[in-house]
Amino acid sequence: MSTKTHNNFTGIFCDHGPKAWQTHTHGALINKRLAVKDVFAVKGERNSAGNPNWFKAAKPAQQTASAVNKLMNEGCSFTGFTHTDELAYSLEGNNIHYGAAQNPKLSGHASGGSSMGSAAAVAANLADIGLGTDTGGSIRIPASYCGLFGIRPSHNVIEKDGLIPLAPPFDTIGWLTQSAELLSDVGNVLLPNQAINNVDTLVICEPLFELVSPALQTPIKQLLEKTKPYFKHHKEFELPNSNLLSELADSFRILQGRAIAKTHKDWLQLPGQLPQFAPAIAARFKMALALTAQEEQEALKVQTQWQTLITKNLNTKSCLFLPTTPTTAPKLGTNTSALRMQIITLSAIAGLSRSAQVHLPLANLENGHPYGFSLMMSHGNDKSLLACVQQLAAHFKQDTPA
C-alpha cells in the first residue's frame, strides 16, 4: 500500500477498497456518503487494520460485515475505507505508515483515534456517516476533537461479524455524524428494537469535572447548567469513594490488554514476522502480553464495582452527564502518553459498565476549538439515549443566537 491520498486529504481514505459504491437506490439513508473504518469486511476486499503486515497477510473477505450491509441496503454510497491507528490500539489519530488525519475543524491539530479517518471524513464533509469502532474511546474522542456527534452503543447490541477485533469484551461498532438527527437515523438501521423511554432525569457526578483541564472546567459547568433545564429531575451520582475514579484507567488498561493479548497473541508472536508498529503502540502490545491473570482478577473487581454503581444510579429514564475528553484536540505531534490515561479515566466508565454513550458537540468556546459533553445511559437504552440527544440538540440550537 502506498501513502497516496484520496481527495488530497492525507491520512483519511485508504487506497484499497471500493469507491462510490452503491447497492440500493432507495432506503432511509439514500445517497448518504458512508466512510468505513478499515477494520470492516467488504466481500472481495482486504483490510489493513492500519498495518501493512496485516494487509499483506490478509485474504479477501468472503462476506460483507452485517453492519456495512445494513447501511448499504438503506441506500448509502460507500465513499471508501478510512485509515485507523494500528489495529485500533490508540486514541491519538496518527499512523506511522499512512499518516495522520489532520483535524478538518482545527488546522494543525489531531483528529483523535483510532477512528481518525472516519471522523476526519465527516468533519471535512467528504462523508455524511463515519462508521467506526469504539473500544476505549475510539468514536467518542474523535467526536469531541472534531466537533461531531458520535455514539458508542451498548456492548454487543450490534452484531460484530466481519469486524477485525481489538478487545472483544469492550469492542463496539459506533458512528459519527454532523447532526443528531442523522446519528439517530443510523441507529434506526443498526440498533435492535428497543423501547424508547422519555429520559427525564439528569444524573450529575461532580468529581468528574475535576478530571478536565483547568481551562475547560468553567465551560463544562456552563454546559451542564444549560443542559439542566431540559430535564425534569436532577440527581447526584452516588460515588462511595473517590478511589474508584483513580482506579478506572488502570483497571480498563489491564482488562483491555488481557483481551488484546488473548485475541492477537499468535499474530504478534509469529517467528521472524514481528510487525512494525509505532513505538507507543509497540510498547502497548508488549505491556498487554506481559499482564498476568492476577492483575486481571483485581481489575475485574473494579469493573464489578462500576457495574453495580451504574445499575444503582441509572435507570431507563435517566442519563449521566459527563465530560467526553479532558482537553480539546492536541496539536499534531504532541506527546499524548500522559493524556491517554486521563482520557481513559473518563471513557472507561461506559466501557466497564457496557453502557451507551453519545458525544454532543455543543460547546461554543471562545478560541473556536471543538468541544462538548457526553450523555450516557445504562446498557440497552441506546434508542432512548439517541432520542434524548436529538431533542436536546434541537433545544440548544433554538437557544443559540443567530
Protein backbone atom coordinates (compact mmCIF):
# COMPACT_ATOMS: atom_id res chain seq x y z
CA MET A 1 0.00 0.00 0.00
CA SER A 2 1.21 3.49 -0.75
CA THR A 3 0.55 6.71 1.10
CA LYS A 4 -1.23 8.24 -1.91
CA THR A 5 -4.11 10.42 -0.79
CA HIS A 6 -7.78 10.50 -1.71
CA ASN A 7 -9.34 13.94 -2.33
CA ASN A 8 -5.98 15.44 -1.24
CA PHE A 9 -6.67 14.78 2.42
CA THR A 10 -3.74 12.85 3.89
CA GLY A 11 -4.50 10.14 6.42
CA ILE A 12 -8.24 9.91 5.75
CA PHE A 13 -9.01 7.46 2.93
CA CYS A 14 -7.20 4.21 2.10
CA ASP A 15 -6.13 3.45 -1.45
CA HIS A 16 -7.69 0.00 -1.38
CA GLY A 17 -11.38 -0.84 -1.30
CA PRO A 18 -14.41 0.34 -3.27
CA LYS A 19 -15.11 3.98 -4.08
CA ALA A 20 -18.54 5.48 -4.86
CA TRP A 21 -20.11 2.02 -4.49
CA GLN A 22 -23.87 1.78 -4.09
CA THR A 23 -26.07 -1.32 -3.97
CA HIS A 24 -29.55 0.18 -3.43
CA THR A 25 -31.14 3.34 -4.83
CA HIS A 26 -33.77 3.68 -2.13
CA GLY A 27 -33.95 3.48 1.65
CA ALA A 28 -33.82 5.52 4.82
CA LEU A 29 -30.22 6.63 4.12
CA ILE A 30 -30.47 7.19 0.39
CA ASN A 31 -27.30 8.71 -1.08
CA LYS A 32 -25.73 9.30 2.33
CA ARG A 33 -21.97 9.04 1.84
CA LEU A 34 -20.52 6.33 4.07
CA ALA A 35 -16.88 6.29 5.19
CA VAL A 36 -15.89 2.95 6.75
CA LYS A 37 -13.00 2.32 9.13
CA ASP A 38 -10.57 -0.17 7.61
CA VAL A 39 -11.49 -2.95 10.02
CA PHE A 40 -14.86 -3.90 8.49
CA ALA A 41 -15.10 -6.71 5.95
CA VAL A 42 -16.37 -5.99 2.43
CA LYS A 43 -16.78 -9.05 0.24
CA GLY A 44 -13.81 -9.50 -2.09
CA GLU A 45 -11.73 -6.83 -0.38
CA ARG A 46 -8.83 -6.90 2.08
CA ASN A 47 -8.36 -4.80 5.22
CA SER A 48 -5.13 -3.35 6.61
CA ALA A 49 -6.33 -2.59 10.16
CA GLY A 50 -3.79 0.23 9.90
CA ASN A 51 -0.78 -2.04 9.43
CA PRO A 52 0.97 -3.11 6.19
CA ASN A 53 1.93 -6.52 7.63
CA TRP A 54 -1.71 -7.23 8.37
CA PHE A 55 -2.73 -6.14 4.86
CA LYS A 56 -0.05 -8.27 3.24
CA ALA A 57 -1.26 -11.40 5.06
CA ALA A 58 -4.98 -10.64 4.68
CA LYS A 59 -7.22 -12.63 2.38
CA PRO A 60 -10.20 -11.12 0.54
CA ALA A 61 -13.32 -11.24 2.69
CA GLN A 62 -15.89 -13.94 1.96
CA GLN A 63 -18.79 -11.83 3.24
CA THR A 64 -19.50 -8.18 3.97
CA ALA A 65 -19.89 -7.24 7.64
CA SER A 66 -23.60 -7.09 8.51
CA ALA A 67 -23.26 -3.54 9.89
CA VAL A 68 -21.99 -2.37 6.49
CA ASN A 69 -24.61 -4.43 4.67
CA LYS A 70 -27.46 -2.89 6.65
CA LEU A 71 -26.31 0.63 5.84
CA MET A 72 -25.77 -0.19 2.17
CA ASN A 73 -29.23 -1.78 1.99
CA GLU A 74 -30.70 1.56 3.08
CA GLY A 75 -29.17 3.39 0.13
CA CYS A 76 -25.77 4.55 1.41
CA SER A 77 -22.97 5.24 -1.03
CA PHE A 78 -19.68 3.68 0.10
CA THR A 79 -17.14 6.50 -0.16
CA GLY A 80 -14.10 4.49 0.90
CA PHE A 81 -12.23 2.67 3.62
CA THR A 82 -10.70 5.08 6.13
CA HIS A 83 -7.39 4.96 7.95
CA THR A 84 -7.11 3.87 11.56
CA ASP A 85 -4.38 3.78 14.15
CA GLU A 86 -2.69 0.38 14.03
CA LEU A 87 -5.15 -2.36 15.00
CA ALA A 88 -7.22 0.45 16.55
CA TYR A 89 -4.95 0.43 19.62
CA SER A 90 -4.62 4.20 20.06
CA LEU A 91 -6.67 7.30 20.82
CA GLU A 92 -4.26 9.63 19.05
CA GLY A 93 -5.17 9.52 15.35
CA ASN A 94 -1.73 9.09 13.81
CA ASN A 95 -0.44 6.21 11.73
CA ILE A 96 3.30 5.92 11.05
CA HIS A 97 2.60 4.03 7.82
CA TYR A 98 -0.23 6.06 6.31
CA GLY A 99 -0.09 9.45 8.00
CA ALA A 100 -2.13 11.45 10.48
CA ALA A 101 -5.60 12.69 9.66
CA GLN A 102 -5.35 16.42 10.36
CA ASN A 103 -8.39 17.82 12.13
CA PRO A 104 -10.57 19.48 9.45
CA LYS A 105 -12.15 21.73 12.08
CA LEU A 106 -8.86 22.77 13.71
CA SER A 107 -5.86 23.04 11.40
CA GLY A 108 -2.62 21.56 12.75
CA HIS A 109 -4.40 19.53 15.41
CA ALA A 110 -5.18 15.82 15.73
CA SER A 111 -8.49 14.23 14.79
CA GLY A 112 -8.19 11.68 17.57
CA GLY A 113 -8.22 7.92 17.19
CA SER A 114 -8.50 5.25 16.42
CA SER A 115 -11.45 6.02 14.11
CA MET A 116 -9.49 9.01 12.81
CA GLY A 117 -10.20 8.64 9.10
CA SER A 118 -13.94 8.18 9.56
CA ALA A 119 -14.12 11.23 11.86
CA ALA A 120 -11.99 13.41 9.58
CA ALA A 121 -14.02 12.38 6.53
CA VAL A 122 -17.26 13.54 8.17
CA ALA A 123 -15.69 16.69 9.65
CA ALA A 124 -14.29 17.60 6.21
CA ASN A 125 -17.69 16.95 4.59
CA LEU A 126 -16.25 14.12 2.50
CA ALA A 127 -18.80 11.76 4.06
CA ASP A 128 -22.10 12.02 5.91
CA ILE A 129 -21.66 8.95 8.11
CA GLY A 130 -18.37 7.75 9.57
CA LEU A 131 -18.59 4.10 10.60
CA GLY A 132 -16.00 3.08 13.16
CA THR A 133 -15.35 1.16 16.33
CA ASP A 134 -15.04 2.20 19.95
CA THR A 135 -13.18 0.00 22.42
CA GLY A 136 -11.64 2.55 24.77
CA GLY A 137 -12.97 5.76 23.24
CA SER A 138 -12.19 5.49 19.52
CA ILE A 139 -15.50 7.09 18.45
CA ARG A 140 -16.03 9.43 21.39
CA ILE A 141 -12.58 11.05 21.37
CA PRO A 142 -12.60 11.89 17.62
CA ALA A 143 -16.17 13.16 18.03
CA SER A 144 -15.01 15.53 20.77
CA TYR A 145 -11.93 16.70 18.88
CA CYS A 146 -13.67 17.13 15.52
CA GLY A 147 -16.96 18.64 16.71
CA LEU A 148 -19.16 15.71 15.72
CA PHE A 149 -21.97 13.69 17.20
CA GLY A 150 -20.66 10.22 17.96
CA ILE A 151 -22.07 7.14 19.66
CA ARG A 152 -20.53 4.22 21.44
CA PRO A 153 -23.54 1.86 21.67
CA SER A 154 -24.18 -0.60 24.46
CA HIS A 155 -21.82 -3.54 24.25
CA ASN A 156 -22.95 -6.37 21.94
CA VAL A 157 -26.23 -4.78 20.79
CA ILE A 158 -24.86 -4.63 17.22
CA GLU A 159 -23.53 -7.75 15.52
CA LYS A 160 -19.73 -7.68 15.17
CA ASP A 161 -19.35 -10.24 12.39
CA GLY A 162 -16.82 -9.24 9.75
CA LEU A 163 -15.00 -6.98 12.20
CA ILE A 164 -11.29 -7.18 12.96
CA PRO A 165 -11.34 -7.26 16.76
CA LEU A 166 -9.14 -5.42 19.23
CA ALA A 167 -10.51 -6.47 22.62
CA PRO A 168 -13.86 -8.29 22.14
CA PRO A 169 -15.15 -7.73 25.72
CA PHE A 170 -15.08 -3.98 25.01
CA ASP A 171 -15.32 -3.64 21.21
CA THR A 172 -18.40 -1.82 19.92
CA ILE A 173 -19.48 -0.58 16.49
CA GLY A 174 -20.18 3.15 16.53
CA TRP A 175 -20.67 6.03 14.12
CA LEU A 176 -20.10 9.77 13.69
CA THR A 177 -22.26 12.42 12.02
CA GLN A 178 -22.61 16.19 11.80
CA SER A 179 -26.18 16.11 13.16
CA ALA A 180 -28.06 14.43 15.98
CA GLU A 181 -30.87 13.61 13.56
CA LEU A 182 -28.63 11.58 11.24
CA LEU A 183 -26.98 9.93 14.24
CA SER A 184 -30.44 8.70 15.24
CA ASP A 185 -31.36 7.67 11.67
CA VAL A 186 -28.30 5.42 11.52
CA GLY A 187 -29.30 3.99 14.91
CA ASN A 188 -32.70 3.06 13.50
CA VAL A 189 -30.89 0.94 10.92
CA LEU A 190 -28.19 -0.65 13.07
CA LEU A 191 -29.73 -0.98 16.52
CA PRO A 192 -32.19 -3.70 17.53
CA ASN A 193 -35.77 -2.92 18.51
CA GLN A 194 -35.74 -1.23 21.90
CA ALA A 195 -38.31 0.61 23.96
CA ILE A 196 -37.88 4.37 23.65
CA ASN A 197 -38.41 5.98 27.03
CA ASN A 198 -38.75 9.65 27.86
CA VAL A 199 -35.47 10.48 29.61
CA ASP A 200 -36.49 12.95 32.31
CA THR A 201 -33.64 12.69 34.85
CA LEU A 202 -30.15 14.11 34.55
CA VAL A 203 -27.58 12.43 36.79
CA ILE A 204 -24.56 14.51 37.79
CA CYS A 205 -21.22 13.29 39.14
CA GLU A 206 -19.37 16.40 40.32
CA PRO A 207 -15.93 14.72 40.79
CA LEU A 208 -15.81 14.04 37.04
CA PHE A 209 -15.49 17.75 36.31
CA GLU A 210 -12.20 17.81 38.18
CA LEU A 211 -10.79 15.47 35.53
CA VAL A 212 -10.88 18.11 32.78
CA SER A 213 -8.15 20.69 32.20
CA PRO A 214 -8.43 23.90 34.25
CA ALA A 215 -9.25 25.96 31.15
CA LEU A 216 -12.29 23.78 30.41
CA GLN A 217 -13.76 23.44 33.89
CA THR A 218 -15.84 26.59 33.58
CA PRO A 219 -17.11 25.75 30.05
CA ILE A 220 -18.12 22.20 31.03
CA LYS A 221 -20.02 23.50 34.07
CA GLN A 222 -21.72 26.09 31.86
CA LEU A 223 -22.77 23.30 29.52
CA LEU A 224 -24.20 21.43 32.48
CA GLU A 225 -26.19 24.48 33.60
CA LYS A 226 -27.51 24.92 30.07
CA THR A 227 -28.49 21.25 29.91
CA LYS A 228 -30.27 21.04 33.26
CA PRO A 229 -33.49 22.87 32.28
CA TYR A 230 -34.35 20.21 29.69
CA PHE A 231 -34.68 17.55 32.37
CA LYS A 232 -37.49 17.40 34.92
CA HIS A 233 -35.33 15.86 37.62
CA HIS A 234 -31.67 16.17 38.64
CA LYS A 235 -29.84 13.86 40.99
CA GLU A 236 -26.33 13.30 42.23
CA PHE A 237 -24.40 10.22 41.22
CA GLU A 238 -23.62 8.44 44.47
CA LEU A 239 -19.90 7.69 44.43
CA PRO A 240 -18.92 5.78 47.60
CA ASN A 241 -15.29 6.92 47.45
CA SER A 242 -13.06 8.90 45.13
CA ASN A 243 -10.60 6.00 44.85
CA LEU A 244 -12.98 4.37 42.39
CA LEU A 245 -12.25 7.15 39.91
CA SER A 246 -8.50 6.82 40.31
CA GLU A 247 -8.74 3.07 39.64
CA LEU A 248 -10.74 3.41 36.42
CA ALA A 249 -7.97 3.91 33.88
CA ASP A 250 -5.63 1.23 35.16
CA SER A 251 -8.39 -1.34 35.54
CA PHE A 252 -9.54 -0.70 31.99
CA ARG A 253 -5.95 -0.80 30.70
CA ILE A 254 -5.44 -4.23 32.28
CA LEU A 255 -8.73 -5.77 31.16
CA GLN A 256 -8.39 -4.39 27.65
CA GLY A 257 -4.76 -5.50 27.49
CA ARG A 258 -5.54 -9.05 28.61
CA ALA A 259 -8.28 -9.29 25.99
CA ILE A 260 -5.95 -7.96 23.29
CA ALA A 261 -3.25 -10.47 24.26
CA LYS A 262 -5.73 -13.35 24.04
CA THR A 263 -7.02 -12.13 20.68
CA HIS A 264 -3.75 -11.27 18.89
CA LYS A 265 -1.05 -13.23 20.73
CA ASP A 266 -0.39 -15.68 17.89
CA TRP A 267 -0.06 -12.96 15.26
CA LEU A 268 2.11 -10.75 17.46
CA GLN A 269 4.48 -13.61 18.20
CA LEU A 270 4.92 -15.09 14.72
CA PRO A 271 8.61 -16.09 14.44
CA GLY A 272 10.58 -13.68 12.27
CA GLN A 273 7.48 -11.71 11.30
CA LEU A 274 7.19 -9.15 14.07
CA PRO A 275 5.03 -6.35 12.65
CA GLN A 276 6.44 -2.84 12.67
CA PHE A 277 4.41 -0.62 14.99
CA ALA A 278 4.64 2.96 16.13
CA PRO A 279 6.77 2.97 19.30
CA ALA A 280 3.85 3.81 21.64
CA ILE A 281 1.65 1.09 20.13
CA ALA A 282 4.51 -1.44 20.20
CA ALA A 283 5.01 -0.67 23.89
CA ARG A 284 1.28 -1.16 24.48
CA PHE A 285 1.28 -4.58 22.83
CA LYS A 286 4.35 -5.56 24.86
CA MET A 287 2.58 -4.44 28.02
CA ALA A 288 -0.57 -6.38 27.08
CA LEU A 289 1.40 -9.60 26.56
CA ALA A 290 3.07 -9.21 29.97
CA LEU A 291 -0.12 -8.74 32.01
CA THR A 292 -0.99 -11.52 34.47
CA ALA A 293 -4.15 -13.37 35.40
CA GLN A 294 -3.81 -11.97 38.93
CA GLU A 295 -3.84 -8.39 37.62
CA GLU A 296 -6.90 -9.26 35.56
CA GLN A 297 -8.74 -10.60 38.61
CA GLU A 298 -8.06 -7.41 40.59
CA ALA A 299 -9.24 -5.26 37.68
CA LEU A 300 -12.40 -7.35 37.35
CA LYS A 301 -13.29 -6.40 40.94
CA VAL A 302 -13.18 -2.72 39.98
CA GLN A 303 -15.30 -3.42 36.90
CA THR A 304 -17.90 -5.17 39.05
CA GLN A 305 -18.00 -2.19 41.40
CA TRP A 306 -18.65 0.18 38.48
CA GLN A 307 -21.32 -2.05 37.02
CA THR A 308 -23.06 -2.06 40.41
CA LEU A 309 -22.73 1.72 40.66
CA ILE A 310 -24.24 2.30 37.21
CA THR A 311 -27.13 -0.05 37.98
CA LYS A 312 -27.76 1.83 41.22
CA ASN A 313 -27.54 5.33 39.75
CA LEU A 314 -29.09 4.97 36.29
CA ASN A 315 -32.39 3.54 35.05
CA THR A 316 -34.38 3.52 31.80
CA LYS A 317 -35.35 7.19 32.22
CA SER A 318 -32.10 8.73 33.42
CA CYS A 319 -28.78 9.67 31.84
CA LEU A 320 -25.39 10.68 33.22
CA PHE A 321 -23.84 13.99 32.18
CA LEU A 322 -20.06 13.66 31.81
CA PRO A 323 -17.11 15.29 30.07
CA THR A 324 -16.01 13.31 27.00
CA THR A 325 -12.39 14.40 26.95
CA PRO A 326 -10.21 16.33 29.42
CA THR A 327 -8.89 18.65 26.69
CA THR A 328 -9.71 19.83 23.19
CA ALA A 329 -7.73 18.35 20.28
CA PRO A 330 -3.96 18.38 20.90
CA LYS A 331 -1.60 19.65 18.23
CA LEU A 332 -0.28 17.06 15.79
CA GLY A 333 2.96 15.56 17.01
CA THR A 334 2.28 16.28 20.68
CA ASN A 335 3.33 13.57 23.14
CA THR A 336 -0.06 12.32 24.35
CA SER A 337 1.09 9.43 26.56
CA ALA A 338 0.03 11.15 29.80
CA LEU A 339 -3.17 12.45 28.22
CA ARG A 340 -4.13 8.91 27.19
CA MET A 341 -4.69 7.74 30.77
CA GLN A 342 -6.59 10.94 31.61
CA ILE A 343 -8.90 10.27 28.67
CA ILE A 344 -9.41 6.65 29.65
CA THR A 345 -10.44 7.66 33.18
CA LEU A 346 -13.47 9.32 31.55
CA SER A 347 -14.07 6.89 28.69
CA ALA A 348 -13.71 3.71 30.80
CA ILE A 349 -16.97 4.34 32.68
CA ALA A 350 -19.04 3.32 29.65
CA GLY A 351 -16.59 0.59 28.67
CA LEU A 352 -16.50 -1.14 32.04
CA SER A 353 -20.27 -0.88 32.52
CA ARG A 354 -21.15 -1.85 28.91
CA SER A 355 -23.20 1.35 28.66
CA ALA A 356 -24.24 3.55 25.73
CA GLN A 357 -22.62 6.98 25.43
CA VAL A 358 -23.10 9.83 22.95
CA HIS A 359 -20.88 12.87 22.49
CA LEU A 360 -22.70 16.13 21.77
CA PRO A 361 -20.50 18.83 20.15
CA LEU A 362 -22.47 21.70 21.66
CA ALA A 363 -19.79 23.84 23.28
CA ASN A 364 -19.05 27.29 21.88
CA LEU A 365 -15.54 28.03 23.12
CA GLU A 366 -14.07 31.48 22.60
CA ASN A 367 -10.97 30.02 20.90
CA GLY A 368 -13.14 28.15 18.38
CA HIS A 369 -11.88 24.69 19.37
CA PRO A 370 -14.50 21.95 19.02
CA TYR A 371 -15.70 20.64 22.38
CA GLY A 372 -18.83 19.37 24.08
CA PHE A 373 -20.01 16.78 26.55
CA SER A 374 -21.50 13.30 26.73
CA LEU A 375 -24.70 11.71 27.92
CA MET A 376 -24.58 8.08 29.00
CA MET A 377 -27.34 5.55 29.64
CA SER A 378 -27.20 2.04 31.02
CA HIS A 379 -26.98 -1.00 28.75
CA GLY A 380 -29.81 -1.48 26.25
CA ASN A 381 -31.15 2.09 26.32
CA ASP A 382 -29.45 3.21 23.10
CA LYS A 383 -32.56 4.40 21.28
CA SER A 384 -33.83 6.29 24.31
CA LEU A 385 -30.44 7.99 24.50
CA LEU A 386 -30.46 8.90 20.81
CA ALA A 387 -33.96 10.35 21.10
CA CYS A 388 -32.89 12.37 24.12
CA VAL A 389 -29.79 13.65 22.33
CA GLN A 390 -31.81 14.66 19.29
CA GLN A 391 -34.27 16.66 21.41
CA LEU A 392 -31.52 18.28 23.46
CA ALA A 393 -29.54 19.28 20.35
CA ALA A 394 -32.66 20.88 18.90
CA HIS A 395 -33.21 22.85 22.12
CA PHE A 396 -29.58 24.03 22.13
CA LYS A 397 -29.94 25.15 18.52
CA GLN A 398 -33.08 27.13 19.31
CA ASP A 399 -31.34 28.84 22.21
CA THR A 400 -28.25 29.81 20.21
CA PRO A 401 -28.39 33.37 18.83
CA ALA A 402 -28.33 33.52 15.06
